[in-house]
Amino acid sequence: MKKLPKAIGPYSPYRKKGKFLVTSGQLPINPETNTIEATTVYDQVLQCLENIETILSIERFQIEDVLKLTVYLTDLSKFSEVNQAFEEKLSAEYPARTAIEISKLPMDALVEIEAIVLRD
């Protein structure tokens, strides 16, 4: 089984209650090295989504169960890279999404993504 990146603070990477699961913001941390290796927004989004998929697989959820993703970006002008990665990893019917530009993220990440998930 794939492992999750080590938390960088006193929080859970996710919480599950019945058919409902919420993730903490997933940074683009490689779980093997616990470092951010990707240098582009596109590659960092792919790593964030991979970390979310690992959480989903641990709890036997599917990516199709994701209702909403919240994306935090340090540069909203890179939003096309987010769309490109989402189109590659997700399929229609796409989750709802919010994108927010913020000044800084932990570990100098360019992106962080959190998910709200419900299994039917």
Protein backbone atom coordinates (compact mmCIF):
# COMPACT_ATOMS: atom_id res chain seq x y z
CA MET A 1 0.00 0.00 0.00
CA LYS A 2 1.18 3.50 -0.78
CA LYS A 3 2.01 5.66 2.16
CA LEU A 4 1.04 9.21 2.99
CA PRO A 5 3.44 12.10 3.42
CA LYS A 6 4.32 12.77 7.03
CA ALA A 7 2.16 15.53 8.54
CA ILE A 8 4.05 18.77 9.12
CA GLY A 9 2.06 19.66 12.21
CA PRO A 10 -0.43 18.39 14.80
CA TYR A 11 -3.27 17.44 12.45
CA SER A 12 -4.76 14.41 10.71
CA PRO A 13 -4.27 14.07 6.96
CA TYR A 14 -7.96 13.19 6.79
CA ARG A 15 -11.03 12.35 8.87
CA LYS A 16 -13.73 9.88 7.96
CA LYS A 17 -17.22 9.59 9.43
CA GLY A 18 -19.39 6.91 7.86
CA LYS A 19 -19.66 7.65 4.14
CA PHE A 20 -18.12 11.12 4.53
CA LEU A 21 -14.41 11.94 4.28
CA VAL A 22 -12.59 15.28 4.46
CA THR A 23 -8.90 15.71 3.77
CA SER A 24 -6.58 18.27 5.22
CA GLY A 25 -4.85 20.37 2.61
CA GLN A 26 -2.51 18.08 0.72
CA LEU A 27 0.80 19.64 -0.17
CA PRO A 28 2.74 18.24 -3.12
CA ILE A 29 4.99 16.21 -0.83
CA ASN A 30 6.53 13.02 -2.18
CA PRO A 31 5.64 10.47 0.53
CA GLU A 32 8.86 8.53 -0.07
CA THR A 33 11.14 11.48 0.70
CA ASN A 34 8.78 13.82 2.61
CA THR A 35 10.01 16.66 0.43
CA ILE A 36 8.53 18.72 -2.38
CA GLU A 37 10.33 17.66 -5.53
CA ALA A 38 8.04 18.97 -8.27
CA THR A 39 8.89 22.48 -9.45
CA THR A 40 5.91 23.43 -11.63
CA VAL A 41 2.31 24.05 -10.61
CA TYR A 42 1.22 21.29 -13.00
CA ASP A 43 3.52 18.69 -11.42
CA GLN A 44 2.70 19.85 -7.90
CA VAL A 45 -1.05 19.51 -8.62
CA LEU A 46 -0.45 15.95 -9.86
CA GLN A 47 1.40 15.12 -6.62
CA CYS A 48 -1.37 16.67 -4.48
CA LEU A 49 -3.96 14.62 -6.34
CA GLU A 50 -1.86 11.49 -5.96
CA ASN A 51 -1.72 12.08 -2.20
CA ILE A 52 -5.51 12.54 -2.14
CA GLU A 53 -5.94 9.32 -4.15
CA THR A 54 -3.79 7.49 -1.61
CA ILE A 55 -6.10 8.64 1.19
CA LEU A 56 -9.12 7.57 -0.83
CA SER A 57 -7.67 4.12 -1.50
CA ILE A 58 -6.83 3.60 2.18
CA GLU A 59 -10.49 4.16 3.04
CA ARG A 60 -11.82 2.37 -0.07
CA PHE A 61 -13.16 5.51 -1.70
CA GLN A 62 -12.86 6.34 -5.41
CA ILE A 63 -11.77 9.58 -7.05
CA GLU A 64 -15.33 9.73 -8.46
CA ASP A 65 -16.57 10.09 -4.86
CA VAL A 66 -14.93 13.53 -4.56
CA LEU A 67 -17.62 16.20 -4.33
CA LYS A 68 -15.43 19.29 -4.02
CA LEU A 69 -11.79 20.29 -4.26
CA THR A 70 -10.40 23.52 -2.85
CA VAL A 71 -7.18 24.65 -4.52
CA TYR A 72 -4.84 27.15 -2.89
CA LEU A 73 -2.33 28.73 -5.29
CA THR A 74 0.45 31.21 -4.73
CA ASP A 75 0.00 32.49 -8.30
CA LEU A 76 -3.47 32.40 -9.83
CA SER A 77 -1.99 33.16 -13.26
CA LYS A 78 -0.88 29.49 -13.26
CA PHE A 79 -4.50 28.31 -13.12
CA SER A 80 -4.29 26.82 -16.63
CA GLU A 81 -1.75 24.32 -15.24
CA VAL A 82 -4.31 23.32 -12.59
CA ASN A 83 -6.92 22.77 -15.30
CA GLN A 84 -4.48 20.73 -17.38
CA ALA A 85 -3.64 18.43 -14.44
CA PHE A 86 -7.30 18.10 -13.44
CA GLU A 87 -8.28 17.13 -16.99
CA GLU A 88 -5.56 14.49 -16.95
CA LYS A 89 -6.42 12.97 -13.55
CA LEU A 90 -10.18 13.53 -13.22
CA SER A 91 -13.09 12.66 -15.43
CA ALA A 92 -16.51 14.14 -16.01
CA GLU A 93 -18.59 14.57 -13.90
CA TYR A 94 -15.89 16.78 -12.38
CA PRO A 95 -15.98 17.73 -8.69
CA ALA A 96 -17.04 21.22 -7.70
CA ARG A 97 -13.99 23.43 -7.21
CA THR A 98 -12.83 26.64 -5.60
CA ALA A 99 -9.48 28.23 -6.37
CA ILE A 100 -7.94 30.81 -4.07
CA GLU A 101 -4.72 32.79 -4.47
CA ILE A 102 -2.77 33.15 -1.25
CA SER A 103 0.58 34.74 -0.46
CA LYS A 104 2.45 31.70 0.87
CA LEU A 105 2.08 27.99 1.56
CA PRO A 106 3.98 25.70 3.94
CA MET A 107 7.30 24.37 2.65
CA ASP A 108 7.18 27.02 -0.11
CA ALA A 109 4.72 24.89 -2.08
CA LEU A 110 3.05 26.47 -5.10
CA VAL A 111 -0.24 24.65 -4.51
CA GLU A 112 -2.22 22.85 -1.81
CA ILE A 113 -5.48 20.95 -2.37
CA GLU A 114 -8.16 19.71 0.03
CA ALA A 115 -11.07 17.41 -0.74
CA ILE A 116 -14.60 16.76 0.48
CA VAL A 117 -15.69 13.22 -0.35
CA LEU A 118 -18.94 11.27 -0.02
CA ARG A 119 -19.48 7.65 -0.95
CA ASP A 120 -22.97 6.73 -2.14
